[in-house]
C-alpha atoms as a PDB file:
ATOM      1  CA  MET A   1      12.971  -8.508 -39.901  1.00  0.00           C
ATOM      2  CA  SER A   2       9.714  -8.844 -41.809  1.00  0.00           C
ATOM      3  CA  ALA A   3      10.464 -12.556 -42.346  1.00  0.00           C
ATOM      4  CA  ARG A   4       9.996 -13.169 -38.633  1.00  0.00           C
ATOM      5  CA  GLN A   5       6.623 -13.653 -37.001  1.00  0.00           C
ATOM      6  CA  PRO A   6       4.811 -10.302 -36.628  1.00  0.00           C
ATOM      7  CA  ARG A   7       4.392  -9.214 -33.053  1.00  0.00           C
ATOM      8  CA  LEU A   8       3.441  -6.285 -30.849  1.00  0.00           C
ATOM      9  CA  PHE A   9       5.789  -5.698 -27.933  1.00  0.00           C
ATOM     10  CA  LEU A  10       4.645  -3.708 -24.899  1.00  0.00           C
ATOM     11  CA  VAL A  11       7.824  -2.162 -23.563  1.00  0.00           C
ATOM     12  CA  PRO A  12       7.905  -0.547 -20.097  1.00  0.00           C
ATOM     13  CA  THR A  13       9.990   2.616 -19.764  1.00  0.00           C
ATOM     14  CA  PRO A  14      11.460   4.185 -16.599  1.00  0.00           C
ATOM     15  CA  ILE A  15       9.098   6.130 -14.354  1.00  0.00           C
ATOM     16  CA  GLY A  16      12.001   8.282 -13.210  1.00  0.00           C
ATOM     17  CA  ASN A  17      15.486   6.821 -13.000  1.00  0.00           C
ATOM     18  CA  LEU A  18      16.794   5.979 -16.477  1.00  0.00           C
ATOM     19  CA  GLU A  19      18.871   3.162 -14.982  1.00  0.00           C
ATOM     20  CA  ASP A  20      15.625   1.200 -14.632  1.00  0.00           C
ATOM     21  CA  MET A  21      15.523   0.663 -18.413  1.00  0.00           C
ATOM     22  CA  THR A  22      16.353  -2.986 -19.122  1.00  0.00           C
ATOM     23  CA  PHE A  23      18.883  -4.256 -21.665  1.00  0.00           C
ATOM     24  CA  ARG A  24      16.115  -6.264 -23.295  1.00  0.00           C
ATOM     25  CA  ALA A  25      13.855  -3.231 -23.622  1.00  0.00           C
ATOM     26  CA  VAL A  26      16.572  -1.287 -25.429  1.00  0.00           C
ATOM     27  CA  ARG A  27      17.289  -4.213 -27.751  1.00  0.00           C
ATOM     28  CA  ILE A  28      13.620  -4.675 -28.655  1.00  0.00           C
ATOM     29  CA  LEU A  29      13.200  -0.961 -29.378  1.00  0.00           C
ATOM     30  CA  LYS A  30      16.188  -1.098 -31.710  1.00  0.00           C
ATOM     31  CA  GLU A  31      15.010  -4.240 -33.503  1.00  0.00           C
ATOM     32  CA  VAL A  32      11.331  -3.519 -34.197  1.00  0.00           C
ATOM     33  CA  ASP A  33      10.188  -1.897 -37.444  1.00  0.00           C
ATOM     34  CA  PHE A  34       8.418   0.985 -35.708  1.00  0.00           C
ATOM     35  CA  ILE A  35       7.593   2.352 -32.253  1.00  0.00           C
ATOM     36  CA  LEU A  36       4.229   3.651 -31.073  1.00  0.00           C
ATOM     37  CA  ALA A  37       4.683   6.357 -28.436  1.00  0.00           C
ATOM     38  CA  GLU A  38       2.209   8.207 -26.252  1.00  0.00           C
ATOM     39  CA  ASP A  39       4.190  11.441 -26.686  1.00  0.00           C
ATOM     40  CA  THR A  40       6.919  11.410 -29.330  1.00  0.00           C
ATOM     41  CA  ARG A  41       8.654  14.416 -27.777  1.00  0.00           C
ATOM     42  CA  THR A  42       8.931  12.789 -24.355  1.00  0.00           C
ATOM     43  CA  SER A  43       9.910   9.413 -25.778  1.00  0.00           C
ATOM     44  CA  GLY A  44      12.317  11.045 -28.228  1.00  0.00           C
ATOM     45  CA  VAL A  45      14.512  12.125 -25.319  1.00  0.00           C
ATOM     46  CA  LEU A  46      14.528   8.590 -23.909  1.00  0.00           C
ATOM     47  CA  LEU A  47      15.264   6.938 -27.246  1.00  0.00           C
ATOM     48  CA  LYS A  48      18.090   9.347 -27.999  1.00  0.00           C
ATOM     49  CA  HIS A  49      19.634   8.599 -24.588  1.00  0.00           C
ATOM     50  CA  PHE A  50      19.777   4.885 -25.422  1.00  0.00           C
ATOM     51  CA  GLY A  51      20.780   5.328 -29.048  1.00  0.00           C
ATOM     52  CA  VAL A  52      17.486   4.040 -30.482  1.00  0.00           C
ATOM     53  CA  GLU A  53      16.890   5.335 -34.012  1.00  0.00           C
ATOM     54  CA  THR A  54      13.757   3.325 -34.877  1.00  0.00           C
ATOM     55  CA  LYS A  55      10.961   5.284 -36.572  1.00  0.00           C
ATOM     56  CA  MET A  56       8.416   6.534 -34.052  1.00  0.00           C
ATOM     57  CA  PHE A  57       4.707   7.365 -34.426  1.00  0.00           C
ATOM     58  CA  SER A  58       2.172   8.934 -32.051  1.00  0.00           C
ATOM     59  CA  HIS A  59      -0.293   6.592 -30.366  1.00  0.00           C
ATOM     60  CA  HIS A  60      -2.325   8.220 -27.609  1.00  0.00           C
ATOM     61  CA  LYS A  61      -5.873   8.305 -26.259  1.00  0.00           C
ATOM     62  CA  PHE A  62      -6.955  10.915 -28.809  1.00  0.00           C
ATOM     63  CA  ASN A  63      -5.923   8.988 -31.931  1.00  0.00           C
ATOM     64  CA  GLU A  64      -5.729   5.324 -30.911  1.00  0.00           C
ATOM     65  CA  HIS A  65      -9.132   4.436 -32.372  1.00  0.00           C
ATOM     66  CA  ALA A  66      -8.271   6.019 -35.727  1.00  0.00           C
ATOM     67  CA  SER A  67      -4.814   4.430 -36.014  1.00  0.00           C
ATOM     68  CA  LEU A  68      -5.718   0.853 -35.046  1.00  0.00           C
ATOM     69  CA  ASN A  69      -6.515  -0.388 -38.563  1.00  0.00           C
ATOM     70  CA  VAL A  70      -3.280   1.008 -40.020  1.00  0.00           C
ATOM     71  CA  ILE A  71      -1.208  -0.608 -37.272  1.00  0.00           C
ATOM     72  CA  ILE A  72      -2.943  -3.973 -37.631  1.00  0.00           C
ATOM     73  CA  ARG A  73      -2.405  -3.954 -41.403  1.00  0.00           C
ATOM     74  CA  ARG A  74       1.303  -3.283 -40.955  1.00  0.00           C
ATOM     75  CA  LEU A  75       1.628  -6.111 -38.443  1.00  0.00           C
ATOM     76  CA  GLU A  76      -0.333  -8.486 -40.680  1.00  0.00           C
ATOM     77  CA  ALA A  77       2.102  -7.598 -43.466  1.00  0.00           C
ATOM     78  CA  GLY A  78       4.904  -9.015 -41.324  1.00  0.00           C
ATOM     79  CA  GLU A  79       6.226  -6.042 -39.385  1.00  0.00           C
ATOM     80  CA  ARG A  80       6.972  -5.866 -35.683  1.00  0.00           C
ATOM     81  CA  ALA A  81       6.073  -2.929 -33.437  1.00  0.00           C
ATOM     82  CA  ALA A  82       6.740  -1.742 -29.895  1.00  0.00           C
ATOM     83  CA  LEU A  83       4.302   0.279 -27.799  1.00  0.00           C
ATOM     84  CA  ILE A  84       5.665   2.604 -25.127  1.00  0.00           C
ATOM     85  CA  SER A  85       4.001   5.141 -22.843  1.00  0.00           C
ATOM     86  CA  ASP A  86       5.508   8.297 -21.372  1.00  0.00           C
ATOM     87  CA  ALA A  87       6.549   6.283 -18.309  1.00  0.00           C
ATOM     88  CA  GLY A  88       5.908   2.833 -16.909  1.00  0.00           C
ATOM     89  CA  THR A  89       4.134  -0.144 -18.445  1.00  0.00           C
ATOM     90  CA  PRO A  90       1.802   0.570 -21.383  1.00  0.00           C
ATOM     91  CA  ALA A  91      -1.938   0.000 -20.806  1.00  0.00           C
ATOM     92  CA  ILE A  92      -1.691   0.624 -17.036  1.00  0.00           C
ATOM     93  CA  SER A  93      -3.688   3.875 -16.847  1.00  0.00           C
ATOM     94  CA  ASP A  94      -2.199   4.644 -20.276  1.00  0.00           C
ATOM     95  CA  PRO A  95      -3.077   3.765 -23.906  1.00  0.00           C
ATOM     96  CA  GLY A  96      -2.606   0.104 -24.797  1.00  0.00           C
ATOM     97  CA  PHE A  97      -5.751  -1.886 -24.080  1.00  0.00           C
ATOM     98  CA  LEU A  98      -7.389  -1.224 -27.468  1.00  0.00           C
ATOM     99  CA  ILE A  99      -4.393  -2.178 -29.579  1.00  0.00           C
ATOM    100  CA  VAL A 100      -3.710  -5.319 -27.532  1.00  0.00           C
ATOM    101  CA  ARG A 101      -7.313  -6.433 -27.977  1.00  0.00           C
ATOM    102  CA  ALA A 102      -7.234  -5.647 -31.706  1.00  0.00           C
ATOM    103  CA  CYS A 103      -4.025  -7.652 -32.164  1.00  0.00           C
ATOM    104  CA  LEU A 104      -5.421 -10.669 -30.323  1.00  0.00           C
ATOM    105  CA  GLU A 105      -8.644 -10.529 -32.320  1.00  0.00           C
ATOM    106  CA  ALA A 106      -6.559 -10.481 -35.508  1.00  0.00           C
ATOM    107  CA  GLY A 107      -4.563 -13.512 -34.358  1.00  0.00           C
ATOM    108  CA  LEU A 108      -1.363 -11.514 -33.866  1.00  0.00           C
ATOM    109  CA  GLU A 109       1.173 -12.208 -31.131  1.00  0.00           C
ATOM    110  CA  VAL A 110       1.443  -9.788 -28.197  1.00  0.00           C
ATOM    111  CA  GLU A 111       4.348  -9.843 -25.767  1.00  0.00           C
ATOM    112  CA  CYS A 112       4.706  -7.614 -22.688  1.00  0.00           C
ATOM    113  CA  LEU A 113       8.159  -7.135 -21.203  1.00  0.00           C
ATOM    114  CA  PRO A 114       8.412  -6.906 -17.404  1.00  0.00           C
ATOM    115  CA  GLY A 115       9.469  -3.524 -16.120  1.00  0.00           C
ATOM    116  CA  ALA A 116       8.633  -0.338 -14.277  1.00  0.00           C
ATOM    117  CA  THR A 117       5.115   0.172 -12.904  1.00  0.00           C
ATOM    118  CA  ALA A 118       4.559   2.862 -10.264  1.00  0.00           C
ATOM    119  CA  PHE A 119       1.997   1.068  -8.114  1.00  0.00           C
ATOM    120  CA  VAL A 120       4.206  -1.943  -7.320  1.00  0.00           C
ATOM    121  CA  PRO A 121       6.956  -0.139  -5.335  1.00  0.00           C
ATOM    122  CA  ALA A 122       4.296   2.079  -3.729  1.00  0.00           C
ATOM    123  CA  LEU A 123       2.396  -0.975  -2.518  1.00  0.00           C
ATOM    124  CA  VAL A 124       5.474  -2.812  -1.297  1.00  0.00           C
ATOM    125  CA  THR A 125       6.869   0.176   0.637  1.00  0.00           C
ATOM    126  CA  SER A 126       3.487   1.085   2.174  1.00  0.00           C
ATOM    127  CA  GLY A 127       3.731  -1.619   4.840  1.00  0.00           C
ATOM    128  CA  LEU A 128       0.090  -2.498   4.143  1.00  0.00           C
ATOM    129  CA  PRO A 129      -1.063  -6.047   3.292  1.00  0.00           C
ATOM    130  CA  ASN A 130      -0.055  -6.891  -0.274  1.00  0.00           C
ATOM    131  CA  ASP A 131      -1.173 -10.501  -0.577  1.00  0.00           C
ATOM    132  CA  ARG A 132      -4.517  -9.244  -1.944  1.00  0.00           C
ATOM    133  CA  PHE A 133      -5.089  -5.806  -3.419  1.00  0.00           C
ATOM    134  CA  CYS A 134      -7.179  -3.943  -5.982  1.00  0.00           C
ATOM    135  CA  PHE A 135      -5.787  -1.394  -8.413  1.00  0.00           C
ATOM    136  CA  GLU A 136      -8.271   1.428  -9.047  1.00  0.00           C
ATOM    137  CA  GLY A 137      -6.073   3.704 -11.163  1.00  0.00           C
ATOM    138  CA  PHE A 138      -7.392   7.269 -11.463  1.00  0.00           C
ATOM    139  CA  LEU A 139     -10.749   7.924  -9.822  1.00  0.00           C
ATOM    140  CA  PRO A 140     -13.392   9.690 -11.939  1.00  0.00           C
ATOM    141  CA  GLN A 141     -12.936  13.434 -11.561  1.00  0.00           C
ATOM    142  CA  LYS A 142     -16.655  14.270 -11.534  1.00  0.00           C
ATOM    143  CA  LYS A 143     -19.321  11.910 -12.874  1.00  0.00           C
ATOM    144  CA  GLY A 144     -19.277   8.595 -11.048  1.00  0.00           C
ATOM    145  CA  ARG A 145     -16.728   9.663  -8.445  1.00  0.00           C
ATOM    146  CA  GLN A 146     -19.027   9.381  -5.433  1.00  0.00           C
ATOM    147  CA  THR A 147     -20.445   6.112  -6.739  1.00  0.00           C
ATOM    148  CA  ARG A 148     -16.921   4.672  -6.934  1.00  0.00           C
ATOM    149  CA  PHE A 149     -16.214   5.725  -3.365  1.00  0.00           C
ATOM    150  CA  GLU A 150     -19.395   4.042  -2.174  1.00  0.00           C
ATOM    151  CA  LEU A 151     -18.466   0.823  -3.965  1.00  0.00           C
ATOM    152  CA  LEU A 152     -15.090   0.847  -2.216  1.00  0.00           C
ATOM    153  CA  ARG A 153     -16.528   1.524   1.240  1.00  0.00           C
ATOM    154  CA  GLU A 154     -16.676  -2.208   2.088  1.00  0.00           C
ATOM    155  CA  GLU A 155     -13.529  -3.237   0.161  1.00  0.00           C
ATOM    156  CA  SER A 156     -11.414  -5.553   2.332  1.00  0.00           C
ATOM    157  CA  ARG A 157      -8.390  -5.633   0.034  1.00  0.00           C
ATOM    158  CA  THR A 158      -5.658  -3.013   0.038  1.00  0.00           C
ATOM    159  CA  MET A 159      -6.663  -0.289  -2.460  1.00  0.00           C
ATOM    160  CA  ILE A 160      -4.304   1.510  -4.844  1.00  0.00           C
ATOM    161  CA  PHE A 161      -5.035   4.788  -6.614  1.00  0.00           C
ATOM    162  CA  TYR A 162      -3.183   7.074  -8.997  1.00  0.00           C
ATOM    163  CA  GLU A 163      -3.693  10.790  -8.435  1.00  0.00           C
ATOM    164  CA  SER A 164      -2.423  14.170  -9.569  1.00  0.00           C
ATOM    165  CA  PRO A 165      -0.718  16.447  -7.023  1.00  0.00           C
ATOM    166  CA  PHE A 166      -3.471  19.027  -7.544  1.00  0.00           C
ATOM    167  CA  ARG A 167      -6.204  16.654  -6.306  1.00  0.00           C
ATOM    168  CA  LEU A 168      -4.206  14.766  -3.682  1.00  0.00           C
ATOM    169  CA  VAL A 169      -5.577  16.463  -0.564  1.00  0.00           C
ATOM    170  CA  LYS A 170      -9.156  16.456  -1.863  1.00  0.00           C
ATOM    171  CA  THR A 171      -8.960  12.725  -2.592  1.00  0.00           C
ATOM    172  CA  LEU A 172      -7.429  11.964   0.809  1.00  0.00           C
ATOM    173  CA  GLU A 173     -10.217  13.954   2.478  1.00  0.00           C
ATOM    174  CA  GLN A 174     -12.883  12.070   0.537  1.00  0.00           C
ATOM    175  CA  LEU A 175     -11.267   8.731   1.351  1.00  0.00           C
ATOM    176  CA  ALA A 176     -11.264   9.715   5.027  1.00  0.00           C
ATOM    177  CA  LEU A 177     -14.982  10.455   4.854  1.00  0.00           C
ATOM    178  CA  VAL A 178     -15.684   7.066   3.290  1.00  0.00           C
ATOM    179  CA  CYS A 179     -13.171   4.891   5.153  1.00  0.00           C
ATOM    180  CA  GLY A 180     -12.709   6.804   8.398  1.00  0.00           C
ATOM    181  CA  ASP A 181     -10.030   9.225   9.582  1.00  0.00           C
ATOM    182  CA  ASP A 182      -8.081   6.451  11.308  1.00  0.00           C
ATOM    183  CA  ARG A 183      -7.745   4.164   8.261  1.00  0.00           C
ATOM    184  CA  LYS A 184      -4.068   3.437   7.547  1.00  0.00           C
ATOM    185  CA  ALA A 185      -2.713   4.622   4.212  1.00  0.00           C
ATOM    186  CA  SER A 186       0.393   5.799   2.392  1.00  0.00           C
ATOM    187  CA  VAL A 187       1.272   8.313  -0.288  1.00  0.00           C
ATOM    188  CA  SER A 188       4.202   7.778  -2.635  1.00  0.00           C
ATOM    189  CA  ARG A 189       5.439  10.390  -5.084  1.00  0.00           C
ATOM    190  CA  GLU A 190       8.384  10.904  -7.431  1.00  0.00           C
ATOM    191  CA  ILE A 191       9.117   7.167  -7.269  1.00  0.00           C
ATOM    192  CA  SER A 192      12.719   6.343  -8.294  1.00  0.00           C
ATOM    193  CA  LYS A 193      13.511  10.049  -8.704  1.00  0.00           C
ATOM    194  CA  LEU A 194      15.819  12.289  -6.667  1.00  0.00           C
ATOM    195  CA  HIS A 195      13.067  13.622  -4.398  1.00  0.00           C
ATOM    196  CA  GLU A 196      11.153  10.371  -3.872  1.00  0.00           C
ATOM    197  CA  GLU A 197       8.883  10.434  -0.841  1.00  0.00           C
ATOM    198  CA  ASN A 198       6.896   7.665   0.834  1.00  0.00           C
ATOM    199  CA  LYS A 199       4.692   8.947   3.652  1.00  0.00           C
ATOM    200  CA  THR A 200       2.613   6.611   5.824  1.00  0.00           C
ATOM    201  CA  GLY A 201       0.006   7.293   8.507  1.00  0.00           C
ATOM    202  CA  THR A 202      -3.738   7.506   8.967  1.00  0.00           C
ATOM    203  CA  LEU A 203      -5.797   9.276   6.339  1.00  0.00           C
ATOM    204  CA  ALA A 204      -6.311  12.177   8.760  1.00  0.00           C
ATOM    205  CA  GLU A 205      -2.560  12.455   9.354  1.00  0.00           C
ATOM    206  CA  LEU A 206      -1.846  12.385   5.619  1.00  0.00           C
ATOM    207  CA  VAL A 207      -4.419  15.120   4.971  1.00  0.00           C
ATOM    208  CA  GLN A 208      -2.772  17.310   7.593  1.00  0.00           C
ATOM    209  CA  TYR A 209       0.734  16.605   6.292  1.00  0.00           C
ATOM    210  CA  PHE A 210       0.066  17.258   2.604  1.00  0.00           C
ATOM    211  CA  ASN A 211      -2.181  20.240   3.343  1.00  0.00           C
ATOM    212  CA  SER A 212       0.863  22.024   4.745  1.00  0.00           C
ATOM    213  CA  LYS A 213       3.179  21.622   1.743  1.00  0.00           C
ATOM    214  CA  THR A 214       3.381  22.059  -2.008  1.00  0.00           C
ATOM    215  CA  VAL A 215       3.285  18.678  -3.732  1.00  0.00           C
ATOM    216  CA  LYS A 216       4.750  17.865  -7.134  1.00  0.00           C
ATOM    217  CA  GLY A 217       5.102  14.717  -9.188  1.00  0.00           C
ATOM    218  CA  GLU A 218       2.899  11.735  -9.900  1.00  0.00           C
ATOM    219  CA  ILE A 219       1.129  10.284  -6.867  1.00  0.00           C
ATOM    220  CA  VAL A 220       0.260   6.748  -5.745  1.00  0.00           C
ATOM    221  CA  ILE A 221      -2.150   6.420  -2.802  1.00  0.00           C
ATOM    222  CA  VAL A 222      -2.369   3.085  -0.996  1.00  0.00           C
ATOM    223  CA  VAL A 223      -5.220   2.547   1.475  1.00  0.00           C
ATOM    224  CA  ASP A 224      -5.734  -0.346   3.876  1.00  0.00           C
ATOM    225  CA  GLY A 225      -8.857  -2.413   3.312  1.00  0.00           C
ATOM    226  CA  LYS A 226     -11.750  -2.664   5.749  1.00  0.00           C
ATOM    227  CA  HIS A 227     -11.172  -5.147   8.573  1.00  0.00           C
END
């Protein structure tokens, strides 16, 4: 394998349903020299399910700066690596940006496989305009949060946010203050899993709905732009 051109593969993994893993993703994970995983325990379950025995190393937001040089040296020596996150496409609100940039700066090839990303099905099933949209990921929890809201006040494109179930209602309430109670929006959770839910309505209606129930799972909020 080392005789082939060194390369970093970004390999998406299922966000819920294991059937969303592609044949190509499994093959790449079996063929590379090593795998970089956000959480080796979580990814270990996935790899075992698909019979992948490739050596795995931790690569997460707490050690990615320190491990970059070692990874680059291994790739420059002719090895191939795959980067995976706990779920979805690496570098989308997950580690990945730094290593991709370092590889490109070192003249190394980077290839991203198409695959699962939570915000795409959430956007498509929201019924909101999807010809133009902006992905905001996770909003700042404290510092800069209000500033971000103010910047988005006049946004005309459909807006997409990731959120935790513990902050869902608070974020919906803040969005309603900024955008208006009657702004159309949707909340998607547990995408591709058994208890998937896609709820649409105004921001006020969504606040009322999710205030009355216990919410679990990862959340995608989609908000209509200003018209």
